[in-house]
């Protein structure tokens, strides 16, 4: 089952929530543009920052949602390494199903990145 949000004229959205061991929260937005290109961004909610919420774009548009998912996870890992080397990803929640990157594909990508957890769906 897939649930896809429409984001006005921009495209469709796969939205994921990520939590870290030390209380940081991240939102990954993978957006499918009309024409099949994907782009993504990661919003960081870090209580240790004065600005608290910061949005980072991942790599340029690509035809693979999986590439955008992996780039987003790598961005989060790099962020955590730069802020708090004792912090790590402990939860990834697909609260609106998995419209672009399947649950299995997400888990395979996490395993390749040496993240030993399974994503949650709904």
Protein backbone atom coordinates (compact mmCIF):
# COMPACT_ATOMS: atom_id res chain seq x y z
CA UNK A 1 0.00 0.00 0.00
CA UNK A 2 1.28 3.48 -0.74
CA UNK A 3 0.09 6.79 0.55
CA UNK A 4 1.42 9.75 -1.38
CA UNK A 5 0.88 13.37 -0.49
CA UNK A 6 0.54 15.82 -3.34
CA UNK A 7 2.62 18.93 -2.80
CA UNK A 8 0.83 21.47 -5.01
CA UNK A 9 2.47 21.71 -8.42
CA UNK A 10 5.83 20.50 -7.10
CA UNK A 11 4.97 16.81 -7.06
CA UNK A 12 4.35 13.90 -4.68
CA UNK A 13 5.95 13.42 -1.26
CA UNK A 14 7.38 10.50 0.73
CA UNK A 15 7.82 11.75 4.28
CA UNK A 16 9.89 9.94 6.96
CA UNK A 17 10.65 10.74 10.59
CA UNK A 18 14.07 9.89 12.00
CA UNK A 19 15.12 10.04 15.65
CA UNK A 20 18.53 9.90 17.24
CA UNK A 21 19.63 8.38 20.53
CA UNK A 22 20.27 11.84 22.03
CA UNK A 23 16.92 13.42 21.16
CA UNK A 24 17.52 14.94 17.76
CA UNK A 25 14.71 14.65 15.22
CA UNK A 26 14.94 14.72 11.44
CA UNK A 27 12.30 14.79 8.71
CA UNK A 28 13.25 13.39 5.32
CA UNK A 29 11.14 14.61 2.41
CA UNK A 30 11.63 12.77 -0.87
CA UNK A 31 9.70 14.59 -3.57
CA UNK A 32 8.85 13.18 -6.98
CA UNK A 33 8.57 15.93 -9.55
CA UNK A 34 6.38 15.66 -12.57
CA UNK A 35 8.54 13.91 -15.13
CA UNK A 36 9.93 11.33 -12.71
CA UNK A 37 12.85 13.20 -11.15
CA UNK A 38 13.30 12.97 -7.37
CA UNK A 39 14.85 15.45 -4.99
CA UNK A 40 15.04 15.43 -1.23
CA UNK A 41 15.72 17.52 1.81
CA UNK A 42 16.30 16.86 5.48
CA UNK A 43 14.92 19.10 8.19
CA UNK A 44 16.96 18.95 11.40
CA UNK A 45 15.30 19.64 14.74
CA UNK A 46 18.18 19.88 17.17
CA UNK A 47 17.47 21.29 20.64
CA UNK A 48 21.17 22.12 21.06
CA UNK A 49 21.00 24.71 18.24
CA UNK A 50 19.84 28.27 18.76
CA UNK A 51 17.84 28.13 15.51
CA UNK A 52 16.50 24.63 16.37
CA UNK A 53 15.24 23.78 12.86
CA UNK A 54 17.47 23.78 9.78
CA UNK A 55 16.72 22.43 6.29
CA UNK A 56 19.44 20.78 4.19
CA UNK A 57 19.06 19.69 0.58
CA UNK A 58 20.68 16.43 -0.42
CA UNK A 59 22.27 15.70 -3.79
CA UNK A 60 20.89 17.10 -7.07
CA UNK A 61 17.76 15.65 -8.63
CA UNK A 62 17.99 12.02 -9.70
CA UNK A 63 15.69 9.41 -11.22
CA UNK A 64 16.09 7.17 -8.14
CA UNK A 65 14.17 7.66 -4.91
CA UNK A 66 16.50 5.07 -3.36
CA UNK A 67 19.51 7.30 -4.11
CA UNK A 68 17.74 10.21 -2.42
CA UNK A 69 16.90 8.06 0.61
CA UNK A 70 20.52 6.94 0.94
CA UNK A 71 21.81 10.50 0.51
CA UNK A 72 19.40 11.69 3.21
CA UNK A 73 20.51 9.01 5.68
CA UNK A 74 24.16 9.79 4.92
CA UNK A 75 23.49 13.50 5.49
CA UNK A 76 21.98 12.69 8.90
CA UNK A 77 24.93 10.45 9.78
CA UNK A 78 27.41 13.18 8.78
CA UNK A 79 25.45 15.76 10.76
CA UNK A 80 25.49 13.58 13.87
CA UNK A 81 29.22 12.88 13.45
CA UNK A 82 29.92 16.61 13.28
CA UNK A 83 27.72 17.56 16.26
CA UNK A 84 27.90 14.61 18.66
CA UNK A 85 29.97 11.52 17.86
CA UNK A 86 28.13 9.59 20.60
CA UNK A 87 24.78 10.11 18.85
CA UNK A 88 23.27 7.75 16.28
CA UNK A 89 20.05 6.97 14.44
CA UNK A 90 17.73 4.80 16.55
CA UNK A 91 14.38 5.02 14.74
CA UNK A 92 13.09 5.57 11.21
CA UNK A 93 9.33 5.81 10.90
CA UNK A 94 7.39 5.83 7.62
CA UNK A 95 4.16 7.17 9.04
CA UNK A 96 2.47 7.34 5.63
CA UNK A 97 3.53 3.99 4.19
CA UNK A 98 6.41 3.66 1.69
CA UNK A 99 5.32 5.16 -1.64
CA UNK A 100 8.74 5.60 -3.26
CA UNK A 101 11.30 3.53 -1.32
CA UNK A 102 9.98 0.18 -0.14
CA UNK A 103 10.42 -1.02 3.43
CA UNK A 104 12.77 -3.75 2.20
CA UNK A 105 14.85 -1.33 0.11
CA UNK A 106 15.17 1.03 3.08
CA UNK A 107 16.41 -1.81 5.30
CA UNK A 108 18.92 -2.95 2.65
CA UNK A 109 20.29 0.61 2.36
CA UNK A 110 20.56 0.89 6.15
CA UNK A 111 22.46 -2.41 6.32
CA UNK A 112 24.89 -1.17 3.64
CA UNK A 113 25.49 1.91 5.81
CA UNK A 114 26.06 -0.26 8.92
CA UNK A 115 22.88 0.96 10.62
CA UNK A 116 21.43 -2.03 12.42
CA UNK A 117 17.73 -1.34 12.73
CA UNK A 118 14.56 -1.98 10.77
CA UNK A 119 12.35 0.86 9.63
CA UNK A 120 8.82 1.15 10.95
CA UNK A 121 5.82 1.58 8.67
CA UNK A 122 2.67 3.25 10.00
